[in-house]
Amino acid sequence: MTSAKRWKQLSGGSFFKFAEEGDTLEGIWQGTQAGKFGENGIVEMNGERKQFTLNAALKDLIRVPPGTEVRITYTGKQMSKSGNEFKAFEILVEDNVQVDDDEDVPF
């Protein structure tokens, strides 16, 4: 006997790791979700949810409205002014999207 109920997945999906320079994640921004070690970003790509660690270099995604097409590309490691190495990203959104300019981002 099969159930006629329709189900919606609230979490899960595969975890995407930006490992190599040029790694790109392109799809529909779904927002954030609390993870074991902080916030995770979620992008739906070809019907599959991809989660990734939302580190400080990706904090601008919080300003993007859910449902927006995004392209996130890992551009390599860079050195901060204080001498710390960090992963850098290029974040692109649809041209016609209004991005929240609020500077009170929770990071």
N, C-alpha and C. Protein backbone atom coordinates (compact mmCIF):
# COMPACT_ATOMS: atom_id res chain seq x y z
N MET A 1 0.84 -1.18 0.00
CA MET A 1 0.00 0.00 0.00
C MET A 1 0.88 1.24 0.00
N THR A 2 0.66 2.13 -0.92
CA THR A 2 1.44 3.36 -0.98
C THR A 2 0.60 4.53 -0.48
N SER A 3 1.27 5.47 0.09
CA SER A 3 0.59 6.65 0.63
C SER A 3 0.36 7.68 -0.48
N ALA A 4 -0.79 8.33 -0.44
CA ALA A 4 -1.10 9.37 -1.42
C ALA A 4 -0.58 10.73 -0.96
N LYS A 5 0.08 10.77 0.19
CA LYS A 5 0.59 12.03 0.71
C LYS A 5 1.74 12.52 -0.14
N ARG A 6 1.84 13.84 -0.23
CA ARG A 6 2.98 14.46 -0.91
C ARG A 6 3.93 14.93 0.18
N TRP A 7 5.21 14.68 0.01
CA TRP A 7 6.21 15.01 1.02
C TRP A 7 7.14 16.09 0.52
N LYS A 8 7.61 16.89 1.44
CA LYS A 8 8.56 17.95 1.12
C LYS A 8 9.77 17.79 2.03
N GLN A 9 10.95 17.74 1.45
CA GLN A 9 12.18 17.59 2.22
C GLN A 9 12.56 18.93 2.84
N LEU A 10 12.76 18.94 4.16
CA LEU A 10 13.11 20.17 4.86
C LEU A 10 14.61 20.33 5.06
N SER A 11 15.32 19.27 5.09
CA SER A 11 16.77 19.36 5.24
C SER A 11 17.39 18.24 4.43
N GLY A 12 18.66 18.12 4.55
CA GLY A 12 19.33 17.06 3.81
C GLY A 12 19.89 17.57 2.51
N GLY A 13 20.01 16.69 1.55
CA GLY A 13 20.68 17.03 0.31
C GLY A 13 22.16 16.72 0.47
N SER A 14 22.89 16.90 -0.56
CA SER A 14 24.31 16.59 -0.48
C SER A 14 25.09 17.83 -0.06
N PHE A 15 26.24 17.61 0.55
CA PHE A 15 27.09 18.70 1.01
C PHE A 15 28.10 19.01 -0.08
N PHE A 16 28.20 20.27 -0.45
CA PHE A 16 29.11 20.71 -1.50
C PHE A 16 30.32 21.37 -0.86
N LYS A 17 31.50 20.94 -1.25
CA LYS A 17 32.73 21.52 -0.71
C LYS A 17 33.49 22.22 -1.83
N PHE A 18 33.78 23.49 -1.62
CA PHE A 18 34.60 24.25 -2.56
C PHE A 18 36.06 23.88 -2.29
N ALA A 19 36.60 22.97 -3.09
CA ALA A 19 37.95 22.45 -2.83
C ALA A 19 38.98 22.97 -3.83
N GLU A 20 38.62 23.00 -5.10
CA GLU A 20 39.55 23.40 -6.15
C GLU A 20 39.18 24.78 -6.68
N GLU A 21 40.19 25.56 -7.00
CA GLU A 21 39.95 26.86 -7.61
C GLU A 21 39.11 26.67 -8.86
N GLY A 22 38.05 27.45 -8.99
CA GLY A 22 37.14 27.32 -10.13
C GLY A 22 35.90 26.50 -9.83
N ASP A 23 35.85 25.80 -8.68
CA ASP A 23 34.64 25.06 -8.32
C ASP A 23 33.47 26.03 -8.28
N THR A 24 32.38 25.66 -8.94
CA THR A 24 31.22 26.56 -9.06
C THR A 24 29.95 25.84 -8.67
N LEU A 25 29.12 26.57 -7.96
CA LEU A 25 27.79 26.09 -7.58
C LEU A 25 26.80 27.10 -8.16
N GLU A 26 25.92 26.63 -9.05
CA GLU A 26 24.96 27.51 -9.70
C GLU A 26 23.57 26.93 -9.57
N GLY A 27 22.64 27.74 -9.10
CA GLY A 27 21.27 27.27 -8.92
C GLY A 27 20.42 28.32 -8.23
N ILE A 28 19.37 27.85 -7.56
CA ILE A 28 18.41 28.73 -6.89
C ILE A 28 18.74 28.80 -5.40
N TRP A 29 19.03 30.02 -4.94
CA TRP A 29 19.36 30.26 -3.53
C TRP A 29 18.12 29.97 -2.68
N GLN A 30 18.28 29.10 -1.66
CA GLN A 30 17.18 28.72 -0.78
C GLN A 30 17.28 29.38 0.60
N GLY A 31 18.42 30.00 0.89
CA GLY A 31 18.61 30.62 2.20
C GLY A 31 19.61 29.84 3.04
N THR A 32 19.51 29.99 4.36
CA THR A 32 20.45 29.34 5.26
C THR A 32 19.73 28.38 6.19
N GLN A 33 20.53 27.53 6.81
CA GLN A 33 20.02 26.55 7.76
C GLN A 33 21.11 26.30 8.79
N ALA A 34 20.73 26.20 10.04
CA ALA A 34 21.71 25.94 11.09
C ALA A 34 22.35 24.57 10.86
N GLY A 35 23.67 24.54 10.94
CA GLY A 35 24.41 23.29 10.80
C GLY A 35 25.13 22.96 12.09
N LYS A 36 25.85 21.87 12.07
CA LYS A 36 26.57 21.42 13.27
C LYS A 36 27.64 22.43 13.69
N PHE A 37 28.28 23.10 12.72
CA PHE A 37 29.37 24.02 13.02
C PHE A 37 29.06 25.45 12.57
N GLY A 38 27.80 25.84 12.56
CA GLY A 38 27.41 27.17 12.13
C GLY A 38 26.40 27.10 10.99
N GLU A 39 26.18 28.24 10.37
CA GLU A 39 25.19 28.32 9.29
C GLU A 39 25.69 27.64 8.02
N ASN A 40 24.77 27.00 7.32
CA ASN A 40 25.02 26.42 6.01
C ASN A 40 24.17 27.17 4.99
N GLY A 41 24.73 27.42 3.82
CA GLY A 41 23.96 27.96 2.71
C GLY A 41 23.35 26.81 1.95
N ILE A 42 22.21 27.07 1.30
CA ILE A 42 21.53 26.02 0.54
C ILE A 42 21.20 26.56 -0.85
N VAL A 43 21.63 25.83 -1.87
CA VAL A 43 21.32 26.14 -3.26
C VAL A 43 20.69 24.91 -3.88
N GLU A 44 19.57 25.10 -4.57
CA GLU A 44 18.94 24.00 -5.30
C GLU A 44 19.49 23.99 -6.71
N MET A 45 20.07 22.84 -7.08
CA MET A 45 20.72 22.71 -8.37
C MET A 45 20.16 21.48 -9.07
N ASN A 46 19.47 21.68 -10.18
CA ASN A 46 18.85 20.57 -10.93
C ASN A 46 17.95 19.72 -10.03
N GLY A 47 17.17 20.38 -9.17
CA GLY A 47 16.22 19.69 -8.31
C GLY A 47 16.84 19.07 -7.07
N GLU A 48 18.13 19.21 -6.87
CA GLU A 48 18.80 18.65 -5.69
C GLU A 48 19.35 19.77 -4.82
N ARG A 49 19.12 19.64 -3.51
CA ARG A 49 19.61 20.64 -2.57
C ARG A 49 21.09 20.40 -2.28
N LYS A 50 21.89 21.45 -2.44
CA LYS A 50 23.32 21.40 -2.13
C LYS A 50 23.57 22.33 -0.95
N GLN A 51 24.16 21.80 0.11
CA GLN A 51 24.50 22.60 1.28
C GLN A 51 26.00 22.86 1.29
N PHE A 52 26.38 24.00 1.87
CA PHE A 52 27.80 24.33 1.97
C PHE A 52 28.00 25.23 3.18
N THR A 53 29.20 25.21 3.72
CA THR A 53 29.53 26.04 4.87
C THR A 53 29.47 27.50 4.47
N LEU A 54 28.75 28.28 5.25
CA LEU A 54 28.59 29.71 4.96
C LEU A 54 29.63 30.48 5.78
N ASN A 55 30.86 30.48 5.28
CA ASN A 55 31.94 31.17 6.00
C ASN A 55 31.85 32.67 5.78
N ALA A 56 32.74 33.42 6.41
CA ALA A 56 32.70 34.89 6.35
C ALA A 56 32.79 35.42 4.92
N ALA A 57 33.52 34.74 4.05
CA ALA A 57 33.67 35.20 2.66
C ALA A 57 32.37 35.06 1.87
N LEU A 58 31.42 34.28 2.38
CA LEU A 58 30.14 34.08 1.69
C LEU A 58 28.98 34.78 2.40
N LYS A 59 29.29 35.62 3.39
CA LYS A 59 28.24 36.26 4.19
C LYS A 59 27.30 37.13 3.37
N ASP A 60 27.73 37.66 2.23
CA ASP A 60 26.86 38.50 1.40
C ASP A 60 25.64 37.74 0.89
N LEU A 61 25.69 36.43 0.87
CA LEU A 61 24.54 35.64 0.41
C LEU A 61 23.33 35.84 1.32
N ILE A 62 23.54 36.21 2.57
CA ILE A 62 22.43 36.43 3.49
C ILE A 62 21.53 37.55 2.99
N ARG A 63 22.08 38.48 2.24
CA ARG A 63 21.31 39.62 1.71
C ARG A 63 20.50 39.27 0.47
N VAL A 64 20.71 38.09 -0.09
CA VAL A 64 20.04 37.66 -1.33
C VAL A 64 18.69 37.02 -0.99
N PRO A 65 17.61 37.48 -1.63
CA PRO A 65 16.30 36.88 -1.35
C PRO A 65 16.24 35.43 -1.82
N PRO A 66 15.65 34.54 -1.00
CA PRO A 66 15.45 33.15 -1.44
C PRO A 66 14.67 33.12 -2.75
N GLY A 67 15.01 32.16 -3.61
CA GLY A 67 14.37 32.04 -4.92
C GLY A 67 15.17 32.71 -6.03
N THR A 68 16.29 33.33 -5.67
CA THR A 68 17.13 34.04 -6.64
C THR A 68 18.15 33.09 -7.25
N GLU A 69 18.37 33.21 -8.56
CA GLU A 69 19.44 32.44 -9.19
C GLU A 69 20.79 33.01 -8.78
N VAL A 70 21.70 32.13 -8.35
CA VAL A 70 23.04 32.56 -7.94
C VAL A 70 24.10 31.68 -8.59
N ARG A 71 25.29 32.24 -8.71
CA ARG A 71 26.46 31.47 -9.14
C ARG A 71 27.59 31.83 -8.18
N ILE A 72 28.11 30.81 -7.50
CA ILE A 72 29.18 31.00 -6.52
C ILE A 72 30.41 30.26 -7.05
N THR A 73 31.50 30.99 -7.23
CA THR A 73 32.73 30.40 -7.76
C THR A 73 33.86 30.62 -6.78
N TYR A 74 34.55 29.53 -6.44
CA TYR A 74 35.72 29.62 -5.57
C TYR A 74 36.88 30.12 -6.41
N THR A 75 37.46 31.28 -6.02
CA THR A 75 38.52 31.91 -6.82
C THR A 75 39.92 31.65 -6.27
N GLY A 76 40.03 30.91 -5.19
CA GLY A 76 41.34 30.57 -4.64
C GLY A 76 41.55 31.19 -3.27
N LYS A 77 42.71 30.91 -2.72
CA LYS A 77 43.05 31.44 -1.39
C LYS A 77 43.70 32.81 -1.55
N GLN A 78 43.38 33.69 -0.60
CA GLN A 78 43.95 35.03 -0.57
C GLN A 78 44.46 35.32 0.83
N MET A 79 45.24 36.39 0.95
CA MET A 79 45.78 36.80 2.23
C MET A 79 45.07 38.07 2.69
N SER A 80 44.59 38.06 3.93
CA SER A 80 43.94 39.25 4.47
C SER A 80 45.01 40.27 4.88
N LYS A 81 44.56 41.50 5.19
CA LYS A 81 45.48 42.55 5.62
C LYS A 81 46.21 42.16 6.90
N SER A 82 45.56 41.35 7.72
CA SER A 82 46.19 40.94 8.98
C SER A 82 47.10 39.71 8.81
N GLY A 83 47.20 39.21 7.58
CA GLY A 83 48.10 38.10 7.30
C GLY A 83 47.47 36.73 7.40
N ASN A 84 46.16 36.65 7.54
CA ASN A 84 45.47 35.36 7.59
C ASN A 84 45.04 34.93 6.20
N GLU A 85 45.21 33.66 5.91
CA GLU A 85 44.79 33.12 4.62
C GLU A 85 43.31 32.76 4.68
N PHE A 86 42.57 33.05 3.60
CA PHE A 86 41.15 32.71 3.55
C PHE A 86 40.76 32.33 2.13
N LYS A 87 39.64 31.59 2.02
CA LYS A 87 39.10 31.24 0.71
C LYS A 87 38.30 32.41 0.18
N ALA A 88 38.52 32.78 -1.09
CA ALA A 88 37.81 33.89 -1.72
C ALA A 88 36.82 33.34 -2.74
N PHE A 89 35.72 34.07 -2.92
CA PHE A 89 34.65 33.65 -3.81
C PHE A 89 34.15 34.81 -4.65
N GLU A 90 33.65 34.49 -5.83
CA GLU A 90 32.90 35.44 -6.64
C GLU A 90 31.44 35.01 -6.53
N ILE A 91 30.58 35.95 -6.12
CA ILE A 91 29.16 35.67 -5.97
C ILE A 91 28.40 36.51 -6.98
N LEU A 92 27.67 35.85 -7.87
CA LEU A 92 26.88 36.54 -8.89
C LEU A 92 25.41 36.22 -8.67
N VAL A 93 24.54 37.24 -8.88
CA VAL A 93 23.10 37.04 -8.81
C VAL A 93 22.49 37.58 -10.10
N GLU A 94 21.23 37.21 -10.34
CA GLU A 94 20.51 37.72 -11.50
C GLU A 94 20.57 39.24 -11.50
N ASP A 95 20.70 39.81 -12.68
CA ASP A 95 20.87 41.26 -12.82
C ASP A 95 19.69 42.07 -12.28
N ASN A 96 18.48 41.55 -12.39
CA ASN A 96 17.29 42.31 -12.02
C ASN A 96 16.85 42.10 -10.57
N VAL A 97 17.67 41.47 -9.74
CA VAL A 97 17.30 41.16 -8.36
C VAL A 97 17.69 42.29 -7.42
N GLN A 98 16.75 42.66 -6.55
CA GLN A 98 17.00 43.67 -5.52
C GLN A 98 17.64 42.97 -4.32
N VAL A 99 18.88 43.32 -4.03
CA VAL A 99 19.62 42.72 -2.90
C VAL A 99 19.49 43.65 -1.70
N ASP A 100 19.24 43.08 -0.54
CA ASP A 100 19.10 43.84 0.69
C ASP A 100 20.42 44.54 1.00
N ASP A 101 20.39 45.85 1.14
CA ASP A 101 21.59 46.62 1.43
C ASP A 101 21.81 46.83 2.92
N ASP A 102 21.07 46.11 3.76
CA ASP A 102 21.19 46.27 5.20
C ASP A 102 22.57 45.81 5.65
N GLU A 103 23.25 46.68 6.37
CA GLU A 103 24.59 46.36 6.84
C GLU A 103 24.57 45.54 8.14
N ASP A 104 23.40 45.31 8.72
CA ASP A 104 23.31 44.57 9.97
C ASP A 104 23.25 43.08 9.72
N VAL A 105 24.21 42.58 8.98
CA VAL A 105 24.28 41.15 8.71
C VAL A 105 24.81 40.47 9.96
N PRO A 106 24.26 39.31 10.35
CA PRO A 106 24.62 38.70 11.63
C PRO A 106 26.00 38.04 11.66
N PHE A 107 27.01 38.64 11.04
CA PHE A 107 28.37 38.08 11.11
C PHE A 107 29.28 39.10 11.71
